[in-house]
C-alpha atoms as a PDB file:
ATOM      1  CA  MET A   1      40.516 -28.497  10.697  1.00  0.00           C
ATOM      2  CA  GLU A   2      38.544 -29.077   7.521  1.00  0.00           C
ATOM      3  CA  ASN A   3      35.341 -29.054   9.578  1.00  0.00           C
ATOM      4  CA  VAL A   4      36.087 -25.578  10.933  1.00  0.00           C
ATOM      5  CA  SER A   5      36.863 -24.284   7.450  1.00  0.00           C
ATOM      6  CA  ASN A   6      33.656 -25.784   6.118  1.00  0.00           C
ATOM      7  CA  MET A   7      31.644 -24.198   8.951  1.00  0.00           C
ATOM      8  CA  ARG A   8      33.211 -20.792   8.273  1.00  0.00           C
ATOM      9  CA  SER A   9      32.413 -20.924   4.583  1.00  0.00           C
ATOM     10  CA  THR A  10      28.837 -22.026   5.330  1.00  0.00           C
ATOM     11  CA  TRP A  11      28.412 -19.215   7.860  1.00  0.00           C
ATOM     12  CA  PHE A  12      29.875 -16.697   5.404  1.00  0.00           C
ATOM     13  CA  PHE A  13      27.533 -17.887   2.642  1.00  0.00           C
ATOM     14  CA  HIS A  14      24.458 -17.677   4.884  1.00  0.00           C
ATOM     15  CA  SER A  15      25.483 -14.252   6.129  1.00  0.00           C
ATOM     16  CA  LYS A  16      25.873 -12.913   2.581  1.00  0.00           C
ATOM     17  CA  LEU A  17      22.617 -14.544   1.502  1.00  0.00           C
ATOM     18  CA  ARG A  18      20.767 -13.006   4.435  1.00  0.00           C
ATOM     19  CA  SER A  19      22.205  -9.590   3.583  1.00  0.00           C
ATOM     20  CA  TRP A  20      21.103  -9.847  -0.042  1.00  0.00           C
ATOM     21  CA  LEU A  21      17.635 -11.009   0.961  1.00  0.00           C
ATOM     22  CA  THR A  22      17.323  -8.069   3.343  1.00  0.00           C
ATOM     23  CA  ILE A  23      18.422  -5.598   0.673  1.00  0.00           C
ATOM     24  CA  THR A  24      16.022  -7.141  -1.843  1.00  0.00           C
ATOM     25  CA  GLY A  25      13.146  -6.901   0.645  1.00  0.00           C
ATOM     26  CA  ILE A  26      13.877  -3.248   1.345  1.00  0.00           C
ATOM     27  CA  VAL A  27      14.053  -2.407  -2.366  1.00  0.00           C
ATOM     28  CA  ILE A  28      10.765  -4.207  -3.082  1.00  0.00           C
ATOM     29  CA  GLY A  29       9.091  -2.491  -0.111  1.00  0.00           C
ATOM     30  CA  VAL A  30      10.210   0.986  -1.162  1.00  0.00           C
ATOM     31  CA  ALA A  31       9.115   0.341  -4.760  1.00  0.00           C
ATOM     32  CA  ALA A  32       5.695  -0.823  -3.548  1.00  0.00           C
ATOM     33  CA  VAL A  33       5.200   2.294  -1.426  1.00  0.00           C
ATOM     34  CA  ILE A  34       6.196   4.551  -4.328  1.00  0.00           C
ATOM     35  CA  ALA A  35       3.800   2.733  -6.669  1.00  0.00           C
ATOM     36  CA  ILE A  36       0.892   2.996  -4.219  1.00  0.00           C
ATOM     37  CA  VAL A  37       1.471   6.688  -3.530  1.00  0.00           C
ATOM     38  CA  SER A  38       1.769   7.605  -7.218  1.00  0.00           C
ATOM     39  CA  ASN A  39      -1.297   5.529  -8.113  1.00  0.00           C
ATOM     40  CA  ARG A  40      -3.293   7.197  -5.332  1.00  0.00           C
ATOM     41  CA  GLY A  41      -2.610  10.645  -6.777  1.00  0.00           C
ATOM     42  CA  ARG A  42      -3.642   9.514 -10.239  1.00  0.00           C
ATOM     43  CA  ASN A  43      -6.864   7.977  -8.916  1.00  0.00           C
ATOM     44  CA  ALA A  44      -7.750  11.129  -6.951  1.00  0.00           C
ATOM     45  CA  ALA A  45      -7.378  13.271 -10.071  1.00  0.00           C
ATOM     46  CA  THR A  46      -9.558  10.882 -12.089  1.00  0.00           C
ATOM     47  CA  LEU A  47     -12.245  10.807  -9.397  1.00  0.00           C
ATOM     48  CA  ASN A  48     -12.293  14.587  -9.126  1.00  0.00           C
ATOM     49  CA  SER A  49     -12.678  15.013 -12.874  1.00  0.00           C
ATOM     50  CA  GLN A  50     -15.531  12.488 -12.968  1.00  0.00           C
ATOM     51  CA  LEU A  51     -17.337  14.180 -10.074  1.00  0.00           C
ATOM     52  CA  ASN A  52     -16.926  17.577 -11.710  1.00  0.00           C
ATOM     53  CA  ALA A  53     -18.419  16.187 -14.917  1.00  0.00           C
ATOM     54  CA  LEU A  54     -21.474  15.031 -12.941  1.00  0.00           C
ATOM     55  CA  GLY A  55     -22.017  18.466 -11.435  1.00  0.00           C
ATOM     56  CA  GLY A  56     -20.457  17.841  -8.068  1.00  0.00           C
ATOM     57  CA  ASP A  57     -21.123  21.400  -6.912  1.00  0.00           C
ATOM     58  CA  ILE A  58     -24.878  20.773  -6.487  1.00  0.00           C
ATOM     59  CA  VAL A  59     -26.134  19.281  -3.225  1.00  0.00           C
ATOM     60  CA  THR A  60     -29.741  18.183  -2.771  1.00  0.00           C
ATOM     61  CA  ILE A  61     -31.164  17.849   0.732  1.00  0.00           C
ATOM     62  CA  SER A  62     -34.506  16.112   1.180  1.00  0.00           C
ATOM     63  CA  PRO A  63     -36.423  15.863   4.478  1.00  0.00           C
ATOM     64  CA  GLY A  64     -37.920  12.672   5.823  1.00  0.00           C
ATOM     65  CA  PHE A  65     -34.951  10.324   6.033  1.00  0.00           C
ATOM     66  CA  GLU A  66     -32.835   9.854   9.102  1.00  0.00           C
ATOM     67  CA  ARG A  67     -29.786   7.678   8.685  1.00  0.00           C
ATOM     68  CA  GLY A  68     -29.115   5.202  11.444  1.00  0.00           C
ATOM     69  CA  ARG A  69     -32.540   5.302  13.058  1.00  0.00           C
ATOM     70  CA  GLY A  70     -35.368   2.877  12.626  1.00  0.00           C
ATOM     71  CA  ASN A  71     -39.077   3.516  12.880  1.00  0.00           C
ATOM     72  CA  PHE A  72     -39.716   1.925  16.261  1.00  0.00           C
ATOM     73  CA  SER A  73     -43.077   2.411  17.971  1.00  0.00           C
END
Protein backbone atom coordinates (compact mmCIF):
# COMPACT_ATOMS: atom_id res chain seq x y z
CA MET A 1 0.00 0.00 0.00
CA GLU A 2 2.87 2.33 0.80
CA ASN A 3 4.33 1.61 -2.65
CA VAL A 4 1.14 2.78 -4.37
CA SER A 5 1.06 5.95 -2.27
CA ASN A 6 4.69 6.63 -3.06
CA MET A 7 4.06 6.13 -6.79
CA ARG A 8 1.09 8.51 -6.70
CA SER A 9 3.06 11.24 -4.97
CA THR A 10 5.95 10.79 -7.43
CA TRP A 11 3.57 10.96 -10.39
CA PHE A 12 1.87 14.04 -8.94
CA PHE A 13 5.23 15.75 -8.39
CA HIS A 14 6.41 15.00 -11.94
CA SER A 15 3.11 16.15 -13.38
CA LYS A 16 3.28 19.48 -11.53
CA LEU A 17 6.94 19.91 -12.45
CA ARG A 18 6.20 19.27 -16.11
CA SER A 19 3.37 21.81 -16.01
CA TRP A 20 5.61 24.48 -14.48
CA LEU A 21 8.36 23.79 -16.98
CA THR A 22 5.88 24.11 -19.83
CA ILE A 23 4.54 27.40 -18.48
CA THR A 24 8.07 28.72 -17.98
CA GLY A 25 9.01 27.77 -21.55
CA ILE A 26 5.96 29.52 -22.96
CA VAL A 27 6.65 32.68 -20.95
CA ILE A 28 10.31 32.75 -22.04
CA GLY A 29 9.32 32.16 -25.68
CA VAL A 30 6.75 34.96 -25.70
CA ALA A 31 9.21 37.34 -24.02
CA ALA A 32 11.86 36.49 -26.62
CA VAL A 33 9.48 37.17 -29.51
CA ILE A 34 8.43 40.50 -28.01
CA ALA A 35 12.07 41.51 -27.50
CA ILE A 36 13.02 40.61 -31.08
CA VAL A 37 10.06 42.43 -32.60
CA SER A 38 10.62 45.60 -30.55
CA ASN A 39 14.36 45.56 -31.27
CA ARG A 40 13.69 45.15 -34.99
CA GLY A 41 11.58 48.31 -35.06
CA ARG A 42 14.25 50.26 -33.23
CA ASN A 43 16.96 49.04 -35.61
CA ALA A 44 14.89 49.93 -38.68
CA ALA A 45 14.42 53.49 -37.43
CA THR A 46 18.15 53.84 -36.73
CA LEU A 47 19.08 52.49 -40.16
CA ASN A 48 16.64 54.82 -41.90
CA SER A 49 18.00 57.86 -40.09
CA GLN A 50 21.58 56.90 -40.96
CA LEU A 51 20.72 56.38 -44.63
CA ASN A 52 18.90 59.70 -44.75
CA ALA A 53 21.96 61.41 -43.28
CA LEU A 54 24.08 59.93 -46.09
CA GLY A 55 21.76 61.27 -48.77
CA GLY A 56 19.86 58.10 -49.47
CA ASP A 57 17.67 59.79 -52.08
CA ILE A 58 20.50 59.93 -54.66
CA VAL A 59 21.13 56.90 -56.87
CA THR A 60 24.14 56.68 -59.17
CA ILE A 61 24.06 54.29 -62.12
CA SER A 62 27.30 53.58 -63.97
CA PRO A 63 27.58 51.51 -67.17
CA GLY A 64 30.13 48.78 -67.70
CA PHE A 65 29.48 46.39 -64.83
CA GLU A 66 27.20 43.41 -65.04
CA ARG A 67 26.61 41.56 -61.80
CA GLY A 68 26.70 37.80 -61.99
CA ARG A 69 28.42 37.50 -65.35
CA GLY A 70 32.04 36.85 -66.04
CA ASN A 71 34.11 37.94 -69.00
CA PHE A 72 34.33 34.63 -70.82
CA SER A 73 35.73 34.50 -74.36
